[in-house]
C-alpha cells in the first residue's frame, strides 16, 4: 500500500480551506486549520506533517509571521512549505523564500497545478531530503 502523506492546510478563509481539503483528501491525509495561531499550536503538540500549505493573508497572524515561527521550531525547520497567495507581491514571495518555502501557488488555484506542485515538492523531499531555493529555480537570483 502506498504511503499517504500528511498535509497541514492553513487558511483562515473557510471556503478556501474546504476547497483544498476536498481537492486533496482522496490522495493525502489533510489536516485543515483555520489560523496561523492554531497551526503553531498543532505543530507544537503533534507529529509534524510531510508538507504545509500556508496562506499568506490571514487575520491575527499572517502566513509569513506564522512561517517565521514554524522555522524557529526545531522539529519543523525542514518541513516543506508551499505558500498560497492571492497577491503577486514580490516582497512577500522574497521574504517567504528567505524562510525556506519550496514553492508558492496563486489563488484561486488550479487543482491540477496544486497537485503537481505538491507532488514535485514531496518527491524532492523524499529523494533529496533538502530544500530548494525557489528563487533560483524561477531565475530570480543571479
Protein backbone atom coordinates (compact mmCIF):
# COMPACT_ATOMS: atom_id res chain seq x y z
CA UNK A 1 0.00 0.00 0.00
CA UNK A 2 1.30 3.44 -0.95
CA UNK A 3 2.16 5.77 1.91
CA UNK A 4 -0.30 8.63 2.37
CA UNK A 5 1.43 11.90 3.03
CA UNK A 6 0.07 14.18 5.74
CA UNK A 7 -0.57 17.77 4.64
CA UNK A 8 -1.33 20.60 7.04
CA UNK A 9 -3.54 23.13 5.20
CA UNK A 10 -3.67 26.54 6.89
CA UNK A 11 -6.10 29.19 5.63
CA UNK A 12 -8.49 31.45 7.54
CA UNK A 13 -10.94 31.52 4.63
CA UNK A 14 -13.33 28.62 5.27
CA UNK A 15 -14.25 28.28 1.59
CA UNK A 16 -10.59 28.09 0.51
CA UNK A 17 -9.82 25.62 3.28
CA UNK A 18 -12.78 23.40 2.36
CA UNK A 19 -11.78 23.53 -1.32
CA UNK A 20 -8.22 22.48 -0.51
CA UNK A 21 -9.41 19.67 1.74
CA UNK A 22 -11.95 18.42 -0.82
CA UNK A 23 -9.39 18.53 -3.62
CA UNK A 24 -6.63 16.70 -1.74
CA UNK A 25 -8.39 14.27 0.60
CA UNK A 26 -8.53 11.45 -1.95
CA UNK A 27 -4.75 11.23 -2.14
CA UNK A 28 -3.47 12.79 1.09
CA UNK A 29 -4.35 12.95 4.77
CA UNK A 30 -5.33 16.61 5.09
CA UNK A 31 -5.38 18.43 8.40
CA UNK A 32 -7.36 21.68 7.87
CA UNK A 33 -6.54 24.51 10.28
CA UNK A 34 -8.14 27.94 10.09
CA UNK A 35 -5.44 30.19 11.59
CA UNK A 36 -1.72 30.63 11.96
CA UNK A 37 -2.06 30.57 15.74
CA UNK A 38 -3.85 27.20 15.66
CA UNK A 39 -1.31 25.84 13.17
CA UNK A 40 1.52 26.68 15.57
CA UNK A 41 -0.36 25.04 18.45
CA UNK A 42 -0.90 21.93 16.33
CA UNK A 43 2.77 21.75 15.34
CA UNK A 44 3.89 22.05 18.97
CA UNK A 45 1.69 19.15 20.06
CA UNK A 46 1.61 16.71 17.14
CA UNK A 47 3.93 14.83 14.84
CA UNK A 48 5.00 17.22 12.06
CA UNK A 49 3.22 16.81 8.72
CA UNK A 50 5.02 15.95 5.48
CA UNK A 51 4.06 19.30 3.92
CA UNK A 52 2.40 22.58 4.90
CA UNK A 53 0.13 24.61 2.62
CA UNK A 54 0.14 28.07 4.18
CA UNK A 55 -1.99 31.03 3.16
CA UNK A 56 -0.21 34.39 3.18
CA UNK A 57 -3.15 36.64 4.11
CA UNK A 58 -4.67 35.66 7.44
CA UNK A 59 -6.04 37.65 10.35
CA UNK A 60 -4.15 37.83 13.66
CA UNK A 61 -1.00 36.12 12.39
CA UNK A 62 -0.27 36.21 8.66
CA UNK A 63 1.43 33.41 6.74
CA UNK A 64 4.91 34.95 6.74
CA UNK A 65 4.82 35.54 10.50
CA UNK A 66 3.47 32.01 11.02
CA UNK A 67 6.21 30.58 8.82
CA UNK A 68 8.87 32.50 10.74
CA UNK A 69 7.66 30.87 13.97
CA UNK A 70 7.43 27.44 12.33
CA UNK A 71 11.08 27.72 11.26
CA UNK A 72 12.04 28.54 14.87
CA UNK A 73 10.66 25.15 16.00
CA UNK A 74 13.47 22.61 15.81
CA UNK A 75 11.25 19.73 14.71
CA UNK A 76 9.65 21.85 11.97
CA UNK A 77 12.65 23.51 10.34
CA UNK A 78 12.77 21.15 7.37
CA UNK A 79 9.07 20.70 6.66
CA UNK A 80 8.41 21.69 3.04
CA UNK A 81 6.07 24.67 2.75
CA UNK A 82 4.01 25.86 -0.21
CA UNK A 83 2.64 29.36 0.27
CA UNK A 84 -0.83 30.20 -1.06
CA UNK A 85 -1.42 33.80 -2.07
CA UNK A 86 -3.87 35.89 -3.99
CA UNK A 87 -1.26 38.62 -4.33
CA UNK A 88 1.60 38.89 -6.76
CA UNK A 89 3.65 40.74 -4.18
CA UNK A 90 7.31 40.03 -4.91
CA UNK A 91 8.34 41.26 -1.47
CA UNK A 92 6.16 38.64 0.27
CA UNK A 93 7.48 35.91 -2.02
CA UNK A 94 11.07 37.02 -1.43
CA UNK A 95 10.57 37.18 2.33
CA UNK A 96 8.94 33.73 2.31
CA UNK A 97 11.78 32.36 0.19
CA UNK A 98 14.30 33.53 2.79
CA UNK A 99 12.36 31.49 5.34
CA UNK A 100 12.67 28.37 3.19
CA UNK A 101 9.47 27.91 1.21
CA UNK A 102 9.57 25.34 -1.55
CA UNK A 103 7.01 26.90 -3.85
CA UNK A 104 4.02 29.20 -3.97
CA UNK A 105 0.61 28.93 -5.62
CA UNK A 106 -1.54 31.84 -6.71
CA UNK A 107 -5.18 31.79 -5.63
CA UNK A 108 -7.62 30.95 -6.95
CA UNK A 109 -5.57 27.88 -7.73
CA UNK A 110 -5.94 25.35 -10.49
CA UNK A 111 -6.44 21.91 -8.88
CA UNK A 112 -4.11 20.12 -11.28
CA UNK A 113 -1.40 22.74 -10.76
CA UNK A 114 -1.72 22.39 -6.98
CA UNK A 115 -1.43 18.59 -7.22
CA UNK A 116 1.62 18.85 -9.49
CA UNK A 117 3.40 21.28 -7.18
CA UNK A 118 2.66 19.15 -4.11
CA UNK A 119 3.93 16.04 -5.88
CA UNK A 120 7.09 17.79 -7.02
CA UNK A 121 7.87 19.08 -3.53
CA UNK A 122 7.13 15.74 -1.85
CA UNK A 123 9.20 13.85 -4.42
CA UNK A 124 12.15 16.19 -3.86
CA UNK A 125 11.75 15.79 -0.11
CA UNK A 126 11.92 12.02 -0.42
CA UNK A 127 14.73 11.80 -2.96
CA UNK A 128 16.96 14.68 -1.92
CA UNK A 129 15.89 15.41 1.63
CA UNK A 130 16.64 19.13 1.42
CA UNK A 131 15.11 22.45 0.45
CA UNK A 132 15.17 24.00 -2.98
CA UNK A 133 15.53 27.75 -3.18
CA UNK A 134 12.62 28.64 -5.45
CA UNK A 135 14.19 31.98 -6.28
CA UNK A 136 17.00 30.11 -8.05
CA UNK A 137 14.55 27.72 -9.67
CA UNK A 138 12.46 30.58 -11.06
CA UNK A 139 15.53 32.54 -12.23
CA UNK A 140 15.00 35.32 -9.68
CA UNK A 141 18.52 35.04 -8.24
CA UNK A 142 21.52 35.61 -10.45
